[in-house]
Amino acid sequence: SRADAIRDALRMEGCTERVVALPATLSHGPID
């Protein structure tokens, strides 16, 4: 959802650069 909002905002400003969404919710669960 954040990546989509950033992409839409960039398009509103005429920027067509690619946006990648990272999926990992690393605020919980094992990370090592």
All heavy atoms as atom14 arrays in JSON, in Angstrom:
{
  "sequence": "SRADAIRDALRMEGCTERVVALPATLSHGPID",
  "atom14_mask": [
    [1, 1, 1, 1, 1, 1, 0, 0, 0, 0, 0, 0, 0, 0],
    [1, 1, 1, 1, 1, 1, 1, 1, 1, 1, 1, 0, 0, 0],
    [1, 1, 1, 1, 1, 0, 0, 0, 0, 0, 0, 0, 0, 0],
    [1, 1, 1, 1, 1, 1, 1, 1, 0, 0, 0, 0, 0, 0],
    [1, 1, 1, 1, 1, 0, 0, 0, 0, 0, 0, 0, 0, 0],
    [1, 1, 1, 1, 1, 1, 1, 1, 0, 0, 0, 0, 0, 0],
    [1, 1, 1, 1, 1, 1, 1, 1, 1, 1, 1, 0, 0, 0],
    [1, 1, 1, 1, 1, 1, 1, 1, 0, 0, 0, 0, 0, 0],
    [1, 1, 1, 1, 1, 0, 0, 0, 0, 0, 0, 0, 0, 0],
    [1, 1, 1, 1, 1, 1, 1, 1, 0, 0, 0, 0, 0, 0],
    [1, 1, 1, 1, 1, 1, 1, 1, 1, 1, 1, 0, 0, 0],
    [1, 1, 1, 1, 1, 1, 1, 1, 0, 0, 0, 0, 0, 0],
    [1, 1, 1, 1, 1, 1, 1, 1, 1, 0, 0, 0, 0, 0],
    [1, 1, 1, 1, 0, 0, 0, 0, 0, 0, 0, 0, 0, 0],
    [1, 1, 1, 1, 1, 1, 0, 0, 0, 0, 0, 0, 0, 0],
    [1, 1, 1, 1, 1, 1, 1, 0, 0, 0, 0, 0, 0, 0],
    [1, 1, 1, 1, 1, 1, 1, 1, 1, 0, 0, 0, 0, 0],
    [1, 1, 1, 1, 1, 1, 1, 1, 1, 1, 1, 0, 0, 0],
    [1, 1, 1, 1, 1, 1, 1, 0, 0, 0, 0, 0, 0, 0],
    [1, 1, 1, 1, 1, 1, 1, 0, 0, 0, 0, 0, 0, 0],
    [1, 1, 1, 1, 1, 0, 0, 0, 0, 0, 0, 0, 0, 0],
    [1, 1, 1, 1, 1, 1, 1, 1, 0, 0, 0, 0, 0, 0],
    [1, 1, 1, 1, 1, 1, 1, 0, 0, 0, 0, 0, 0, 0],
    [1, 1, 1, 1, 1, 0, 0, 0, 0, 0, 0, 0, 0, 0],
    [1, 1, 1, 1, 1, 1, 1, 0, 0, 0, 0, 0, 0, 0],
    [1, 1, 1, 1, 1, 1, 1, 1, 0, 0, 0, 0, 0, 0],
    [1, 1, 1, 1, 1, 1, 0, 0, 0, 0, 0, 0, 0, 0],
    [1, 1, 1, 1, 1, 1, 1, 1, 1, 1, 0, 0, 0, 0],
    [1, 1, 1, 1, 0, 0, 0, 0, 0, 0, 0, 0, 0, 0],
    [1, 1, 1, 1, 1, 1, 1, 0, 0, 0, 0, 0, 0, 0],
    [1, 1, 1, 1, 1, 1, 1, 1, 0, 0, 0, 0, 0, 0],
    [1, 1, 1, 1, 1, 1, 1, 1, 0, 0, 0, 0, 0, 0]
  ],
  "atom14_positions": [
    [[0.83, -1.21, 0.0], [0.0, 0.0, 0.0], [0.86, 1.26, 0.0], [0.54, 2.25, -0.68], [-0.96, 0.0, 1.19], [-0.25, 0.01, 2.41], [0.0, 0.0, 0.0], [0.0, 0.0, 0.0], [0.0, 0.0, 0.0], [0.0, 0.0, 0.0], [0.0, 0.0, 0.0], [0.0, 0.0, 0.0], [0.0, 0.0, 0.0], [0.0, 0.0, 0.0]],
    [[1.95, 1.25, 0.75], [2.84, 2.41, 0.76], [3.5, 2.59, -0.59], [3.61, 3.71, -1.1], [3.9, 2.25, 1.86], [3.34, 2.31, 3.29], [4.4, 1.86, 4.28], [3.95, 1.94, 5.68], [3.21, 1.03, 6.28], [2.78, -0.03, 5.59], [2.86, 1.17, 7.55], [0.0, 0.0, 0.0], [0.0, 0.0, 0.0], [0.0, 0.0, 0.0]],
    [[3.96, 1.49, -1.17], [4.59, 1.56, -2.49], [3.61, 2.08, -3.54], [3.97, 2.88, -4.4], [5.14, 0.19, -2.89], [0.0, 0.0, 0.0], [0.0, 0.0, 0.0], [0.0, 0.0, 0.0], [0.0, 0.0, 0.0], [0.0, 0.0, 0.0], [0.0, 0.0, 0.0], [0.0, 0.0, 0.0], [0.0, 0.0, 0.0], [0.0, 0.0, 0.0]],
    [[2.36, 1.63, -3.45], [1.34, 2.11, -4.41], [1.12, 3.61, -4.27], [1.0, 4.33, -5.28], [0.02, 1.37, -4.19], [0.04, -0.06, -4.69], [0.96, -0.4, -5.46], [-0.86, -0.83, -4.32], [0.0, 0.0, 0.0], [0.0, 0.0, 0.0], [0.0, 0.0, 0.0], [0.0, 0.0, 0.0], [0.0, 0.0, 0.0], [0.0, 0.0, 0.0]],
    [[1.06, 4.12, -3.03], [0.86, 5.55, -2.81], [2.04, 6.35, -3.35], [1.87, 7.41, -3.96], [0.65, 5.83, -1.33], [0.0, 0.0, 0.0], [0.0, 0.0, 0.0], [0.0, 0.0, 0.0], [0.0, 0.0, 0.0], [0.0, 0.0, 0.0], [0.0, 0.0, 0.0], [0.0, 0.0, 0.0], [0.0, 0.0, 0.0], [0.0, 0.0, 0.0]],
    [[3.25, 5.85, -3.12], [4.44, 6.53, -3.63], [4.45, 6.53, -5.16], [4.74, 7.55, -5.8], [5.71, 5.86, -3.08], [5.8, 6.11, -1.57], [6.95, 6.36, -3.8], [6.82, 5.24, -0.86], [0.0, 0.0, 0.0], [0.0, 0.0, 0.0], [0.0, 0.0, 0.0], [0.0, 0.0, 0.0], [0.0, 0.0, 0.0], [0.0, 0.0, 0.0]],
    [[4.09, 5.39, -5.76], [4.03, 5.3, -7.23], [3.02, 6.3, -7.79], [3.31, 7.02, -8.77], [3.67, 3.88, -7.65], [3.66, 3.66, -9.17], [3.24, 2.24, -9.52], [4.16, 1.26, -8.97], [3.91, 0.48, -7.93], [2.73, 0.57, -7.3], [4.8, -0.4, -7.5], [0.0, 0.0, 0.0], [0.0, 0.0, 0.0], [0.0, 0.0, 0.0]],
    [[1.85, 6.35, -7.17], [0.83, 7.29, -7.66], [1.3, 8.74, -7.51], [1.06, 9.58, -8.38], [-0.48, 7.09, -6.9], [-1.16, 5.77, -7.25], [-0.78, 5.17, -8.28], [-2.06, 5.35, -6.5], [0.0, 0.0, 0.0], [0.0, 0.0, 0.0], [0.0, 0.0, 0.0], [0.0, 0.0, 0.0], [0.0, 0.0, 0.0], [0.0, 0.0, 0.0]],
    [[1.97, 9.04, -6.4], [2.47, 10.39, -6.18], [3.53, 10.75, -7.21], [3.55, 11.87, -7.75], [3.04, 10.52, -4.77], [0.0, 0.0, 0.0], [0.0, 0.0, 0.0], [0.0, 0.0, 0.0], [0.0, 0.0, 0.0], [0.0, 0.0, 0.0], [0.0, 0.0, 0.0], [0.0, 0.0, 0.0], [0.0, 0.0, 0.0], [0.0, 0.0, 0.0]],
    [[4.42, 9.81, -7.51], [5.45, 10.07, -8.52], [4.82, 10.31, -9.88], [5.24, 11.2, -10.63], [6.42, 8.89, -8.58], [7.34, 8.69, -7.36], [8.13, 7.41, -7.51], [8.28, 9.88, -7.2], [0.0, 0.0, 0.0], [0.0, 0.0, 0.0], [0.0, 0.0, 0.0], [0.0, 0.0, 0.0], [0.0, 0.0, 0.0], [0.0, 0.0, 0.0]],
    [[3.8, 9.51, -10.21], [3.13, 9.69, -11.51], [2.44, 11.05, -11.58], [2.41, 11.69, -12.63], [2.1, 8.57, -11.73], [2.66, 7.16, -11.72], [3.68, 6.92, -12.83], [4.17, 5.56, -12.81], [5.3, 5.17, -12.2], [6.03, 6.06, -11.54], [5.69, 3.91, -12.24], [0.0, 0.0, 0.0], [0.0, 0.0, 0.0], [0.0, 0.0, 0.0]],
    [[1.89, 11.52, -10.46], [1.25, 12.83, -10.42], [2.26, 13.94, -10.71], [1.9, 15.02, -11.2], [0.6, 13.06, -9.05], [-0.63, 12.19, -8.8], [-1.17, 12.19, -7.06], [-1.73, 13.88, -6.89], [0.0, 0.0, 0.0], [0.0, 0.0, 0.0], [0.0, 0.0, 0.0], [0.0, 0.0, 0.0], [0.0, 0.0, 0.0], [0.0, 0.0, 0.0]],
    [[3.53, 13.68, -10.43], [4.59, 14.65, -10.68], [5.35, 14.36, -11.97], [6.4, 14.95, -12.22], [5.54, 14.69, -9.49], [4.89, 15.16, -8.2], [5.88, 15.29, -7.06], [6.45, 14.26, -6.65], [6.08, 16.42, -6.58], [0.0, 0.0, 0.0], [0.0, 0.0, 0.0], [0.0, 0.0, 0.0], [0.0, 0.0, 0.0], [0.0, 0.0, 0.0]],
    [[4.83, 13.42, -12.76], [5.43, 13.14, -14.06], [6.62, 12.2, -14.02], [7.35, 12.08, -15.01], [0.0, 0.0, 0.0], [0.0, 0.0, 0.0], [0.0, 0.0, 0.0], [0.0, 0.0, 0.0], [0.0, 0.0, 0.0], [0.0, 0.0, 0.0], [0.0, 0.0, 0.0], [0.0, 0.0, 0.0], [0.0, 0.0, 0.0], [0.0, 0.0, 0.0]],
    [[6.83, 11.52, -12.9], [7.96, 10.59, -12.76], [7.47, 9.17, -13.0], [6.51, 8.72, -12.37], [8.58, 10.7, -11.37], [9.92, 9.54, -11.06], [0.0, 0.0, 0.0], [0.0, 0.0, 0.0], [0.0, 0.0, 0.0], [0.0, 0.0, 0.0], [0.0, 0.0, 0.0], [0.0, 0.0, 0.0], [0.0, 0.0, 0.0], [0.0, 0.0, 0.0]],
    [[8.13, 8.44, -13.89], [7.71, 7.08, -14.25], [8.67, 6.02, -13.72], [8.62, 4.87, -14.15], [7.59, 6.94, -15.77], [8.87, 7.23, -16.38], [6.54, 7.9, -16.33], [0.0, 0.0, 0.0], [0.0, 0.0, 0.0], [0.0, 0.0, 0.0], [0.0, 0.0, 0.0], [0.0, 0.0, 0.0], [0.0, 0.0, 0.0], [0.0, 0.0, 0.0]],
    [[9.54, 6.39, -12.8], [10.5, 5.43, -12.26], [9.8, 4.32, -11.48], [8.73, 4.51, -10.91], [11.5, 6.16, -11.37], [12.41, 7.09, -12.17], [13.21, 8.04, -11.31], [12.88, 8.23, -10.13], [14.19, 8.63, -11.84], [0.0, 0.0, 0.0], [0.0, 0.0, 0.0], [0.0, 0.0, 0.0], [0.0, 0.0, 0.0], [0.0, 0.0, 0.0]],
    [[10.43, 3.16, -11.47], [9.83, 1.96, -10.89], [9.83, 2.05, -9.35], [10.72, 2.64, -8.75], [10.62, 0.73, -11.35], [10.03, -0.6, -11.01], [10.55, -1.68, -11.96], [11.99, -1.75, -11.99], [12.73, -2.63, -11.3], [12.11, -3.52, -10.53], [14.04, -2.66, -11.4], [0.0, 0.0, 0.0], [0.0, 0.0, 0.0], [0.0, 0.0, 0.0]],
    [[8.8, 1.43, -8.74], [8.69, 1.38, -7.28], [8.59, -0.09, -6.86], [7.79, -0.84, -7.4], [7.46, 2.15, -6.78], [7.37, 2.09, -5.26], [7.49, 3.6, -7.26], [0.0, 0.0, 0.0], [0.0, 0.0, 0.0], [0.0, 0.0, 0.0], [0.0, 0.0, 0.0], [0.0, 0.0, 0.0], [0.0, 0.0, 0.0], [0.0, 0.0, 0.0]],
    [[9.42, -0.48, -5.91], [9.46, -1.85, -5.41], [8.92, -1.88, -3.98], [9.34, -1.09, -3.13], [10.9, -2.43, -5.44], [10.93, -3.82, -4.81], [11.42, -2.46, -6.86], [0.0, 0.0, 0.0], [0.0, 0.0, 0.0], [0.0, 0.0, 0.0], [0.0, 0.0, 0.0], [0.0, 0.0, 0.0], [0.0, 0.0, 0.0], [0.0, 0.0, 0.0]],
    [[8.0, -2.8, -3.71], [7.45, -2.97, -2.37], [8.15, -4.14, -1.68], [8.14, -5.27, -2.19], [5.94, -3.23, -2.44], [0.0, 0.0, 0.0], [0.0, 0.0, 0.0], [0.0, 0.0, 0.0], [0.0, 0.0, 0.0], [0.0, 0.0, 0.0], [0.0, 0.0, 0.0], [0.0, 0.0, 0.0], [0.0, 0.0, 0.0], [0.0, 0.0, 0.0]],
    [[8.76, -3.89, -0.53], [9.37, -4.96, 0.26], [8.32, -5.53, 1.2], [7.66, -4.78, 1.92], [10.56, -4.42, 1.05], [11.71, -3.87, 0.19], [12.84, -3.37, 1.07], [12.22, -4.93, -0.78], [0.0, 0.0, 0.0], [0.0, 0.0, 0.0], [0.0, 0.0, 0.0], [0.0, 0.0, 0.0], [0.0, 0.0, 0.0], [0.0, 0.0, 0.0]],
    [[8.14, -6.85, 1.22], [6.97, -7.44, 1.89], [7.17, -7.83, 3.34], [6.2, -8.17, 4.02], [6.75, -8.7, 1.04], [8.14, -9.12, 0.64], [8.91, -7.84, 0.45], [0.0, 0.0, 0.0], [0.0, 0.0, 0.0], [0.0, 0.0, 0.0], [0.0, 0.0, 0.0], [0.0, 0.0, 0.0], [0.0, 0.0, 0.0], [0.0, 0.0, 0.0]],
    [[8.38, -7.81, 3.86], [8.64, -8.44, 5.15], [8.27, -7.53, 6.32], [8.79, -6.42, 6.44], [10.11, -8.84, 5.26], [0.0, 0.0, 0.0], [0.0, 0.0, 0.0], [0.0, 0.0, 0.0], [0.0, 0.0, 0.0], [0.0, 0.0, 0.0], [0.0, 0.0, 0.0], [0.0, 0.0, 0.0], [0.0, 0.0, 0.0], [0.0, 0.0, 0.0]],
    [[7.37, -8.01, 7.2], [7.01, -7.29, 8.42], [7.97, -7.74, 9.51], [7.66, -8.61, 10.33], [5.55, -7.57, 8.81], [4.71, -7.27, 7.7], [5.13, -6.7, 9.99], [0.0, 0.0, 0.0], [0.0, 0.0, 0.0], [0.0, 0.0, 0.0], [0.0, 0.0, 0.0], [0.0, 0.0, 0.0], [0.0, 0.0, 0.0], [0.0, 0.0, 0.0]],
    [[9.15, -7.13, 9.55], [10.23, -7.6, 10.41], [10.17, -7.02, 11.82], [11.09, -7.23, 12.6], [11.57, -7.25, 9.75], [11.79, -7.92, 8.38], [13.06, -7.38, 7.73], [11.86, -9.43, 8.52], [0.0, 0.0, 0.0], [0.0, 0.0, 0.0], [0.0, 0.0, 0.0], [0.0, 0.0, 0.0], [0.0, 0.0, 0.0], [0.0, 0.0, 0.0]],
    [[9.07, -6.34, 12.15], [8.9, -5.86, 13.52], [8.41, -6.98, 14.44], [8.31, -6.77, 15.65], [7.92, -4.68, 13.57], [6.7, -5.01, 12.94], [0.0, 0.0, 0.0], [0.0, 0.0, 0.0], [0.0, 0.0, 0.0], [0.0, 0.0, 0.0], [0.0, 0.0, 0.0], [0.0, 0.0, 0.0], [0.0, 0.0, 0.0], [0.0, 0.0, 0.0]],
    [[8.12, -8.15, 13.9], [7.82, -9.3, 14.74], [8.38, -10.57, 14.1], [8.62, -10.62, 12.9], [6.31, -9.46, 14.99], [5.52, -9.84, 13.78], [4.79, -8.96, 13.05], [5.34, -11.05, 13.17], [4.2, -9.57, 12.05], [4.52, -10.85, 12.1], [0.0, 0.0, 0.0], [0.0, 0.0, 0.0], [0.0, 0.0, 0.0], [0.0, 0.0, 0.0]],
    [[8.64, -11.55, 14.93], [9.13, -12.83, 14.44], [10.65, -12.88, 14.37], [11.34, -11.88, 14.55], [0.0, 0.0, 0.0], [0.0, 0.0, 0.0], [0.0, 0.0, 0.0], [0.0, 0.0, 0.0], [0.0, 0.0, 0.0], [0.0, 0.0, 0.0], [0.0, 0.0, 0.0], [0.0, 0.0, 0.0], [0.0, 0.0, 0.0], [0.0, 0.0, 0.0]],
    [[11.19, -14.06, 14.09], [12.64, -14.24, 14.03], [13.25, -13.5, 12.85], [12.68, -13.45, 11.77], [12.8, -15.76, 13.89], [11.52, -16.23, 13.29], [10.46, -15.32, 13.84], [0.0, 0.0, 0.0], [0.0, 0.0, 0.0], [0.0, 0.0, 0.0], [0.0, 0.0, 0.0], [0.0, 0.0, 0.0], [0.0, 0.0, 0.0], [0.0, 0.0, 0.0]],
    [[14.44, -12.94, 13.06], [15.14, -12.21, 11.99], [16.58, -12.67, 11.84], [17.37, -12.03, 11.15], [15.11, -10.68, 12.24], [15.66, -10.34, 13.62], [13.69, -10.15, 12.07], [15.82, -8.84, 13.87], [0.0, 0.0, 0.0], [0.0, 0.0, 0.0], [0.0, 0.0, 0.0], [0.0, 0.0, 0.0], [0.0, 0.0, 0.0], [0.0, 0.0, 0.0]],
    [[16.95, -13.76, 12.5], [18.33, -14.25, 12.4], [18.34, -15.7, 11.95], [18.35, -16.61, 12.8], [19.04, -14.1, 13.75], [20.52, -14.45, 13.65], [21.08, -14.36, 12.54], [21.11, -14.83, 14.69], [0.0, 0.0, 0.0], [0.0, 0.0, 0.0], [0.0, 0.0, 0.0], [0.0, 0.0, 0.0], [0.0, 0.0, 0.0], [0.0, 0.0, 0.0]]
  ]
}
